[in-house]
Amino acid sequence: MSRRAYLYFVITFLLGITAGGAGFYYYGLQSRHWHHESDQQRIVQRMNADLNLDDSQTQKLSSILDDYFKKKKELEQKHQPEFDTLRLQTRDQIRQVLNPDQLAKFNDHVRKVDEHMKKERAGAK
């Protein structure tokens, strides 16, 4: 192969890695799986940057968001049993249309999803 072909190959390979990495990173941010700092801090920083808030406004905004996130968490905890019931009912309906082989795979998938949700809930507390 000529030197030019190797160069094109390397450039294509590097562009593929870059595009794939950027897409993966963007997905992680958009899906909220990679947010390490709190939502409140991120909102305050963004509003400060966008709106040029003074110190008084920043303190009031933080207080408002403290209250919002506290109430949001209370609502999520209050209604979690309803979401759990809906999820279980939906799974039962899905099981009724599956054949035995599909059912085994589905149950394995459900088990993995439940384990993942359990870990996320434990980490959120």
Protein backbone atom coordinates (compact mmCIF):
# COMPACT_ATOMS: atom_id res chain seq x y z
CA MET A 1 0.00 0.00 0.00
CA SER A 2 1.21 3.47 -0.70
CA ARG A 3 2.05 6.03 1.91
CA ARG A 4 -0.98 8.10 0.90
CA ALA A 5 -3.33 5.12 1.48
CA TYR A 6 -1.91 4.63 4.99
CA LEU A 7 -2.40 8.30 5.69
CA TYR A 8 -6.04 8.15 4.56
CA PHE A 9 -6.56 5.04 6.65
CA VAL A 10 -5.15 6.69 9.78
CA ILE A 11 -7.12 9.89 9.23
CA THR A 12 -10.34 7.93 8.71
CA PHE A 13 -9.65 5.86 11.80
CA LEU A 14 -8.97 8.95 13.93
CA LEU A 15 -12.07 10.72 12.64
CA GLY A 16 -14.13 7.64 13.47
CA ILE A 17 -12.77 7.54 17.00
CA THR A 18 -13.39 11.26 17.44
CA ALA A 19 -16.95 11.12 16.08
CA GLY A 20 -17.77 8.03 18.14
CA GLY A 21 -16.32 9.51 21.31
CA ALA A 22 -18.13 12.80 20.81
CA GLY A 23 -21.42 11.00 20.20
CA PHE A 24 -20.94 8.80 23.25
CA TYR A 25 -20.07 11.81 25.41
CA TYR A 26 -23.07 13.79 24.11
CA TYR A 27 -25.39 10.84 24.79
CA GLY A 28 -24.05 10.52 28.33
CA LEU A 29 -24.68 14.19 29.04
CA GLN A 30 -28.13 14.25 27.46
CA SER A 31 -29.24 11.06 29.19
CA ARG A 32 -28.12 12.56 32.52
CA HIS A 33 -25.96 9.53 33.34
CA TRP A 34 -22.78 11.59 33.70
CA HIS A 35 -23.95 14.56 35.73
CA HIS A 36 -21.75 14.59 38.79
CA GLU A 37 -22.51 17.98 40.18
CA SER A 38 -25.99 18.66 41.46
CA ASP A 39 -28.75 19.92 39.22
CA GLN A 40 -29.12 22.96 41.44
CA GLN A 41 -25.49 24.03 41.09
CA ARG A 42 -25.62 23.56 37.35
CA ILE A 43 -28.79 25.64 37.04
CA VAL A 44 -27.40 28.45 39.19
CA GLN A 45 -24.14 28.53 37.25
CA ARG A 46 -25.97 28.54 33.93
CA MET A 47 -28.33 31.32 34.97
CA ASN A 48 -25.42 33.34 36.35
CA ALA A 49 -23.61 33.00 33.05
CA ASP A 50 -26.69 33.70 30.91
CA LEU A 51 -28.36 36.42 33.00
CA ASN A 52 -25.46 37.96 34.91
CA LEU A 53 -27.20 37.68 38.30
CA ASP A 54 -26.04 39.70 41.27
CA ASP A 55 -25.23 38.06 44.64
CA SER A 56 -28.69 38.73 46.07
CA GLN A 57 -30.38 37.16 43.06
CA THR A 58 -28.05 34.16 43.20
CA GLN A 59 -28.90 33.56 46.88
CA LYS A 60 -32.65 33.87 46.21
CA LEU A 61 -32.38 31.56 43.21
CA SER A 62 -30.52 28.98 45.30
CA SER A 63 -33.22 29.17 47.97
CA ILE A 64 -35.98 28.74 45.38
CA LEU A 65 -34.21 25.75 43.86
CA ASP A 66 -33.59 24.20 47.30
CA ASP A 67 -37.33 24.30 47.90
CA TYR A 68 -38.09 22.97 44.41
CA PHE A 69 -35.76 19.98 44.65
CA LYS A 70 -37.00 19.14 48.14
CA LYS A 71 -40.64 19.16 46.97
CA LYS A 72 -39.74 17.25 43.80
CA LYS A 73 -38.07 14.50 45.83
CA GLU A 74 -41.08 14.30 48.16
CA LEU A 75 -43.45 13.94 45.18
CA GLU A 76 -41.28 11.27 43.60
CA GLN A 77 -41.22 9.31 46.85
CA LYS A 78 -44.96 9.75 47.36
CA HIS A 79 -45.88 8.53 43.89
CA GLN A 80 -43.19 5.86 43.50
CA PRO A 81 -45.57 3.06 44.54
CA GLU A 82 -47.97 4.08 41.75
CA PHE A 83 -45.16 4.00 39.18
CA ASP A 84 -44.04 0.62 40.51
CA THR A 85 -47.57 -0.76 40.20
CA LEU A 86 -47.89 0.53 36.65
CA ARG A 87 -44.53 -0.98 35.70
CA LEU A 88 -45.51 -4.38 37.16
CA GLN A 89 -48.88 -4.36 35.39
CA THR A 90 -47.21 -3.51 32.09
CA ARG A 91 -44.67 -6.29 32.52
CA ASP A 92 -47.47 -8.79 33.22
CA GLN A 93 -49.27 -7.72 30.05
CA ILE A 94 -46.05 -8.15 28.05
CA ARG A 95 -45.50 -11.62 29.53
CA GLN A 96 -48.93 -12.72 28.26
CA VAL A 97 -47.90 -12.21 24.61
CA LEU A 98 -44.51 -13.94 24.82
CA ASN A 99 -43.69 -17.56 24.09
CA PRO A 100 -41.72 -19.57 26.71
CA ASP A 101 -38.29 -18.83 25.18
CA GLN A 102 -39.05 -15.13 24.90
CA LEU A 103 -40.47 -15.12 28.42
CA ALA A 104 -37.23 -16.49 29.88
CA LYS A 105 -35.21 -13.81 28.09
CA PHE A 106 -37.67 -11.11 29.13
CA ASN A 107 -37.57 -12.19 32.77
CA ASP A 108 -33.77 -12.11 32.69
CA HIS A 109 -33.89 -8.60 31.19
CA VAL A 110 -36.39 -7.48 33.85
CA ARG A 111 -34.15 -8.85 36.59
CA LYS A 112 -31.18 -6.85 35.25
CA VAL A 113 -33.27 -3.68 34.96
CA ASP A 114 -34.55 -4.11 38.52
CA GLU A 115 -31.00 -4.58 39.83
CA HIS A 116 -29.88 -1.45 38.02
CA MET A 117 -32.81 0.58 39.38
CA LYS A 118 -32.13 -0.71 42.89
CA LYS A 119 -28.50 0.45 42.66
CA GLU A 120 -29.54 3.86 41.32
CA ARG A 121 -32.07 4.35 44.10
CA ALA A 122 -29.54 3.31 46.73
CA GLY A 123 -27.03 5.77 45.28
CA ALA A 124 -29.58 8.61 45.19
CA LYS A 125 -30.31 8.38 48.91
